[in-house]
Amino acid sequence: AIGMLRDFELGWLGPEGYVKKTFHEAYELLSISGTVNEKPDGSFFVHAHASLSGPDYSAVGGHLFKGTVNNTCEIFLLIPEGLNFHRKVIREGEAPRFCPEKA
């Protein structure tokens, strides 16, 4: 994905959980990458990482939690044939994990 976002929230996963920061100014969207996974309840989990450039040409990035399109956003989705992406709990008490499976 490329374009421009404003009012976006990025997160960095630290030892105590996500440290989040919201950016209100418009930033150029340099890229978004990640996966869309089906959860056990049938809903979907979007795991996206983004890189953006500010008006001073500095870059920021991390887990993308939310954002508002400012001007435009062009998104290209690749859906691999023969693979399903799921989020599942592998070990009791741990967070769900990314589990690609053959369709």
N, C-alpha and C. Protein backbone atom coordinates (compact mmCIF):
# COMPACT_ATOMS: atom_id res chain seq x y z
N ALA A 1 0.84 -1.19 0.00
CA ALA A 1 0.00 0.00 0.00
C ALA A 1 0.88 1.24 0.00
N ILE A 2 0.44 2.26 -0.69
CA ILE A 2 1.08 3.57 -0.69
C ILE A 2 -0.01 4.63 -0.64
N GLY A 3 0.34 5.83 -0.27
CA GLY A 3 -0.62 6.91 -0.21
C GLY A 3 -0.27 7.87 0.89
N MET A 4 -1.27 8.29 1.67
CA MET A 4 -1.05 9.22 2.76
C MET A 4 -2.07 8.95 3.87
N LEU A 5 -1.59 8.96 5.11
CA LEU A 5 -2.46 8.76 6.28
C LEU A 5 -2.31 9.93 7.25
N ARG A 6 -3.35 10.15 8.02
CA ARG A 6 -3.32 11.08 9.16
C ARG A 6 -4.05 10.40 10.31
N ASP A 7 -3.88 10.94 11.50
CA ASP A 7 -4.52 10.37 12.68
C ASP A 7 -4.31 8.86 12.76
N PHE A 8 -3.06 8.44 12.53
CA PHE A 8 -2.76 7.01 12.56
C PHE A 8 -2.06 6.65 13.87
N GLU A 9 -2.24 5.39 14.26
CA GLU A 9 -1.65 4.90 15.49
C GLU A 9 -0.70 3.75 15.17
N LEU A 10 0.54 3.89 15.64
CA LEU A 10 1.56 2.86 15.48
C LEU A 10 1.89 2.27 16.84
N GLY A 11 2.32 1.02 16.83
CA GLY A 11 2.72 0.38 18.08
C GLY A 11 4.03 -0.35 17.93
N TRP A 12 4.76 -0.40 19.03
CA TRP A 12 6.00 -1.16 19.14
C TRP A 12 5.80 -2.15 20.27
N LEU A 13 6.07 -3.44 20.01
CA LEU A 13 5.81 -4.48 21.01
C LEU A 13 7.00 -4.59 21.95
N GLY A 14 6.82 -4.11 23.16
CA GLY A 14 7.84 -4.20 24.19
C GLY A 14 7.55 -5.33 25.15
N PRO A 15 8.36 -5.49 26.18
CA PRO A 15 8.19 -6.59 27.13
C PRO A 15 6.89 -6.53 27.93
N GLU A 16 6.31 -5.33 28.06
CA GLU A 16 5.06 -5.17 28.81
C GLU A 16 3.84 -5.05 27.90
N GLY A 17 4.00 -5.25 26.61
CA GLY A 17 2.90 -5.09 25.66
C GLY A 17 3.22 -3.97 24.69
N TYR A 18 2.21 -3.55 23.95
CA TYR A 18 2.41 -2.52 22.93
C TYR A 18 2.57 -1.13 23.54
N VAL A 19 3.57 -0.41 23.06
CA VAL A 19 3.73 1.01 23.34
C VAL A 19 3.18 1.71 22.10
N LYS A 20 2.10 2.47 22.25
CA LYS A 20 1.43 3.06 21.10
C LYS A 20 1.64 4.57 21.05
N LYS A 21 1.65 5.11 19.82
CA LYS A 21 1.75 6.55 19.61
C LYS A 21 0.84 6.92 18.45
N THR A 22 0.09 8.01 18.61
CA THR A 22 -0.79 8.52 17.55
C THR A 22 -0.14 9.73 16.91
N PHE A 23 -0.18 9.78 15.58
CA PHE A 23 0.35 10.88 14.78
C PHE A 23 -0.84 11.54 14.11
N HIS A 24 -1.06 12.82 14.37
CA HIS A 24 -2.23 13.51 13.82
C HIS A 24 -1.95 14.17 12.48
N GLU A 25 -0.71 14.58 12.24
CA GLU A 25 -0.32 15.24 10.99
C GLU A 25 -0.33 14.22 9.85
N ALA A 26 -0.52 14.68 8.62
CA ALA A 26 -0.49 13.79 7.45
C ALA A 26 0.94 13.34 7.17
N TYR A 27 1.10 12.05 6.92
CA TYR A 27 2.39 11.43 6.58
C TYR A 27 2.23 10.64 5.30
N GLU A 28 3.28 10.61 4.48
CA GLU A 28 3.29 9.76 3.29
C GLU A 28 3.38 8.30 3.72
N LEU A 29 2.52 7.48 3.17
CA LEU A 29 2.54 6.04 3.44
C LEU A 29 3.53 5.40 2.48
N LEU A 30 4.64 4.91 3.01
CA LEU A 30 5.68 4.30 2.18
C LEU A 30 5.36 2.84 1.87
N SER A 31 4.82 2.14 2.87
CA SER A 31 4.45 0.74 2.63
C SER A 31 3.61 0.22 3.79
N ILE A 32 2.82 -0.78 3.48
CA ILE A 32 2.13 -1.60 4.48
C ILE A 32 2.37 -3.04 4.07
N SER A 33 2.72 -3.86 5.04
CA SER A 33 2.84 -5.30 4.76
C SER A 33 2.27 -6.05 5.95
N GLY A 34 1.83 -7.26 5.70
CA GLY A 34 1.28 -8.06 6.79
C GLY A 34 0.38 -9.15 6.26
N THR A 35 -0.47 -9.63 7.15
CA THR A 35 -1.38 -10.73 6.80
C THR A 35 -2.78 -10.45 7.34
N VAL A 36 -3.75 -11.13 6.73
CA VAL A 36 -5.11 -11.16 7.24
C VAL A 36 -5.37 -12.60 7.64
N ASN A 37 -5.69 -12.82 8.92
CA ASN A 37 -5.82 -14.17 9.47
C ASN A 37 -7.23 -14.40 9.99
N GLU A 38 -7.71 -15.63 9.81
CA GLU A 38 -9.00 -16.00 10.37
C GLU A 38 -8.81 -16.49 11.80
N LYS A 39 -9.62 -15.95 12.72
CA LYS A 39 -9.56 -16.37 14.12
C LYS A 39 -10.51 -17.55 14.33
N PRO A 40 -10.34 -18.30 15.43
CA PRO A 40 -11.20 -19.47 15.68
C PRO A 40 -12.69 -19.17 15.66
N ASP A 41 -13.09 -17.93 16.02
CA ASP A 41 -14.51 -17.58 16.03
C ASP A 41 -15.03 -17.17 14.65
N GLY A 42 -14.16 -17.21 13.63
CA GLY A 42 -14.57 -16.88 12.27
C GLY A 42 -14.35 -15.42 11.90
N SER A 43 -14.01 -14.57 12.86
CA SER A 43 -13.71 -13.18 12.55
C SER A 43 -12.27 -13.09 12.01
N PHE A 44 -11.90 -11.91 11.57
CA PHE A 44 -10.58 -11.75 10.96
C PHE A 44 -9.70 -10.81 11.77
N PHE A 45 -8.41 -11.10 11.76
CA PHE A 45 -7.40 -10.31 12.45
C PHE A 45 -6.43 -9.79 11.40
N VAL A 46 -6.31 -8.46 11.32
CA VAL A 46 -5.37 -7.85 10.38
C VAL A 46 -4.08 -7.54 11.14
N HIS A 47 -2.99 -8.13 10.70
CA HIS A 47 -1.67 -7.90 11.32
C HIS A 47 -0.84 -7.13 10.31
N ALA A 48 -0.88 -5.80 10.45
CA ALA A 48 -0.23 -4.92 9.47
C ALA A 48 0.90 -4.12 10.10
N HIS A 49 1.97 -3.99 9.37
CA HIS A 49 3.09 -3.12 9.73
C HIS A 49 3.16 -2.03 8.67
N ALA A 50 3.49 -0.80 9.11
CA ALA A 50 3.53 0.32 8.17
C ALA A 50 4.80 1.13 8.36
N SER A 51 5.25 1.71 7.26
CA SER A 51 6.34 2.69 7.26
C SER A 51 5.77 3.96 6.65
N LEU A 52 6.03 5.09 7.31
CA LEU A 52 5.52 6.38 6.85
C LEU A 52 6.61 7.44 6.96
N SER A 53 6.50 8.48 6.13
CA SER A 53 7.48 9.56 6.12
C SER A 53 6.79 10.88 6.43
N GLY A 54 7.36 11.62 7.39
CA GLY A 54 6.80 12.89 7.80
C GLY A 54 7.24 14.04 6.92
N PRO A 55 6.72 15.22 7.19
CA PRO A 55 7.05 16.40 6.38
C PRO A 55 8.53 16.79 6.46
N ASP A 56 9.23 16.32 7.48
CA ASP A 56 10.67 16.59 7.59
C ASP A 56 11.49 15.44 6.99
N TYR A 57 10.83 14.51 6.31
CA TYR A 57 11.43 13.35 5.64
C TYR A 57 11.93 12.29 6.61
N SER A 58 11.57 12.39 7.88
CA SER A 58 11.93 11.34 8.83
C SER A 58 10.92 10.20 8.69
N ALA A 59 11.36 9.00 8.97
CA ALA A 59 10.49 7.84 8.83
C ALA A 59 10.09 7.32 10.20
N VAL A 60 8.85 6.82 10.26
CA VAL A 60 8.33 6.14 11.45
C VAL A 60 7.72 4.83 10.98
N GLY A 61 7.63 3.88 11.89
CA GLY A 61 7.05 2.61 11.50
C GLY A 61 6.72 1.76 12.69
N GLY A 62 5.93 0.72 12.46
CA GLY A 62 5.55 -0.22 13.49
C GLY A 62 4.24 -0.90 13.14
N HIS A 63 3.63 -1.53 14.14
CA HIS A 63 2.33 -2.15 13.96
C HIS A 63 1.32 -1.04 13.70
N LEU A 64 0.52 -1.16 12.66
CA LEU A 64 -0.50 -0.17 12.33
C LEU A 64 -1.82 -0.60 12.97
N PHE A 65 -2.29 0.20 13.91
CA PHE A 65 -3.54 -0.10 14.59
C PHE A 65 -4.74 0.60 13.97
N LYS A 66 -4.53 1.84 13.50
CA LYS A 66 -5.62 2.57 12.85
C LYS A 66 -5.04 3.74 12.10
N GLY A 67 -5.84 4.33 11.24
CA GLY A 67 -5.43 5.51 10.49
C GLY A 67 -6.55 5.98 9.59
N THR A 68 -6.46 7.23 9.18
CA THR A 68 -7.44 7.82 8.27
C THR A 68 -6.72 8.18 6.98
N VAL A 69 -7.30 7.77 5.85
CA VAL A 69 -6.71 8.10 4.56
C VAL A 69 -6.79 9.61 4.36
N ASN A 70 -5.67 10.20 3.98
CA ASN A 70 -5.58 11.63 3.69
C ASN A 70 -5.18 11.76 2.23
N ASN A 71 -6.03 12.16 1.38
CA ASN A 71 -5.87 12.26 -0.08
C ASN A 71 -6.17 10.93 -0.76
N THR A 72 -5.25 9.95 -0.66
CA THR A 72 -5.44 8.69 -1.37
C THR A 72 -4.71 7.55 -0.67
N CYS A 73 -5.11 6.34 -0.96
CA CYS A 73 -4.41 5.15 -0.50
C CYS A 73 -4.63 4.06 -1.53
N GLU A 74 -3.55 3.57 -2.10
CA GLU A 74 -3.61 2.50 -3.08
C GLU A 74 -3.14 1.22 -2.41
N ILE A 75 -4.00 0.22 -2.40
CA ILE A 75 -3.71 -1.03 -1.69
C ILE A 75 -3.75 -2.19 -2.69
N PHE A 76 -2.75 -3.03 -2.63
CA PHE A 76 -2.67 -4.23 -3.45
C PHE A 76 -2.66 -5.43 -2.51
N LEU A 77 -3.61 -6.33 -2.67
CA LEU A 77 -3.69 -7.54 -1.85
C LEU A 77 -3.34 -8.76 -2.68
N LEU A 78 -2.46 -9.57 -2.16
CA LEU A 78 -2.09 -10.82 -2.81
C LEU A 78 -2.71 -11.96 -2.01
N ILE A 79 -3.53 -12.76 -2.66
CA ILE A 79 -4.18 -13.88 -2.00
C ILE A 79 -3.55 -15.16 -2.53
N PRO A 80 -2.70 -15.81 -1.72
CA PRO A 80 -2.02 -17.01 -2.21
C PRO A 80 -2.99 -18.19 -2.36
N GLU A 81 -2.90 -18.85 -3.50
CA GLU A 81 -3.74 -20.02 -3.74
C GLU A 81 -3.25 -21.19 -2.91
N GLY A 82 -4.18 -21.93 -2.34
CA GLY A 82 -3.82 -23.14 -1.62
C GLY A 82 -3.35 -22.93 -0.20
N LEU A 83 -3.46 -21.70 0.32
CA LEU A 83 -3.06 -21.42 1.69
C LEU A 83 -4.17 -20.67 2.42
N ASN A 84 -4.40 -21.02 3.66
CA ASN A 84 -5.28 -20.28 4.54
C ASN A 84 -4.46 -19.81 5.72
N PHE A 85 -4.69 -18.58 6.16
CA PHE A 85 -3.97 -18.03 7.30
C PHE A 85 -4.91 -18.00 8.51
N HIS A 86 -4.47 -18.58 9.60
CA HIS A 86 -5.27 -18.65 10.82
C HIS A 86 -4.47 -18.12 12.00
N ARG A 87 -5.18 -17.69 13.03
CA ARG A 87 -4.61 -17.35 14.35
C ARG A 87 -5.16 -18.39 15.31
N LYS A 88 -4.26 -19.13 15.97
CA LYS A 88 -4.68 -20.18 16.89
C LYS A 88 -3.83 -20.15 18.16
N VAL A 89 -4.44 -20.55 19.25
CA VAL A 89 -3.69 -20.74 20.48
C VAL A 89 -3.02 -22.10 20.40
N ILE A 90 -1.70 -22.11 20.46
CA ILE A 90 -0.92 -23.35 20.39
C ILE A 90 -0.71 -23.91 21.80
N ARG A 91 -0.34 -23.03 22.72
CA ARG A 91 -0.13 -23.41 24.12
C ARG A 91 -1.06 -22.60 25.00
N GLU A 92 -1.78 -23.25 25.88
CA GLU A 92 -2.71 -22.59 26.80
C GLU A 92 -1.99 -21.47 27.55
N GLY A 93 -2.63 -20.31 27.60
CA GLY A 93 -2.07 -19.17 28.31
C GLY A 93 -1.22 -18.26 27.44
N GLU A 94 -0.89 -18.67 26.21
CA GLU A 94 -0.10 -17.84 25.31
C GLU A 94 -1.01 -17.15 24.30
N ALA A 95 -0.51 -16.10 23.71
CA ALA A 95 -1.26 -15.38 22.67
C ALA A 95 -1.42 -16.27 21.43
N PRO A 96 -2.50 -16.06 20.67
CA PRO A 96 -2.66 -16.82 19.42
C PRO A 96 -1.50 -16.55 18.48
N ARG A 97 -1.16 -17.58 17.69
CA ARG A 97 -0.02 -17.49 16.77
C ARG A 97 -0.49 -17.61 15.33
N PHE A 98 0.35 -17.11 14.44
CA PHE A 98 0.12 -17.19 13.00
C PHE A 98 0.33 -18.63 12.57
N CYS A 99 -0.68 -19.22 11.92
CA CYS A 99 -0.61 -20.62 11.52
C CYS A 99 -1.08 -20.77 10.07
N PRO A 100 -0.17 -20.64 9.10
CA PRO A 100 -0.57 -20.91 7.71
C PRO A 100 -0.83 -22.39 7.51
N GLU A 101 -1.86 -22.71 6.75
CA GLU A 101 -2.21 -24.11 6.50
C GLU A 101 -2.56 -24.28 5.03
N LYS A 102 -2.27 -25.46 4.50
CA LYS A 102 -2.69 -25.77 3.14
C LYS A 102 -4.19 -25.88 3.10
N ALA A 103 -4.77 -25.32 2.04
CA ALA A 103 -6.24 -25.33 1.88
C ALA A 103 -6.75 -26.70 1.52
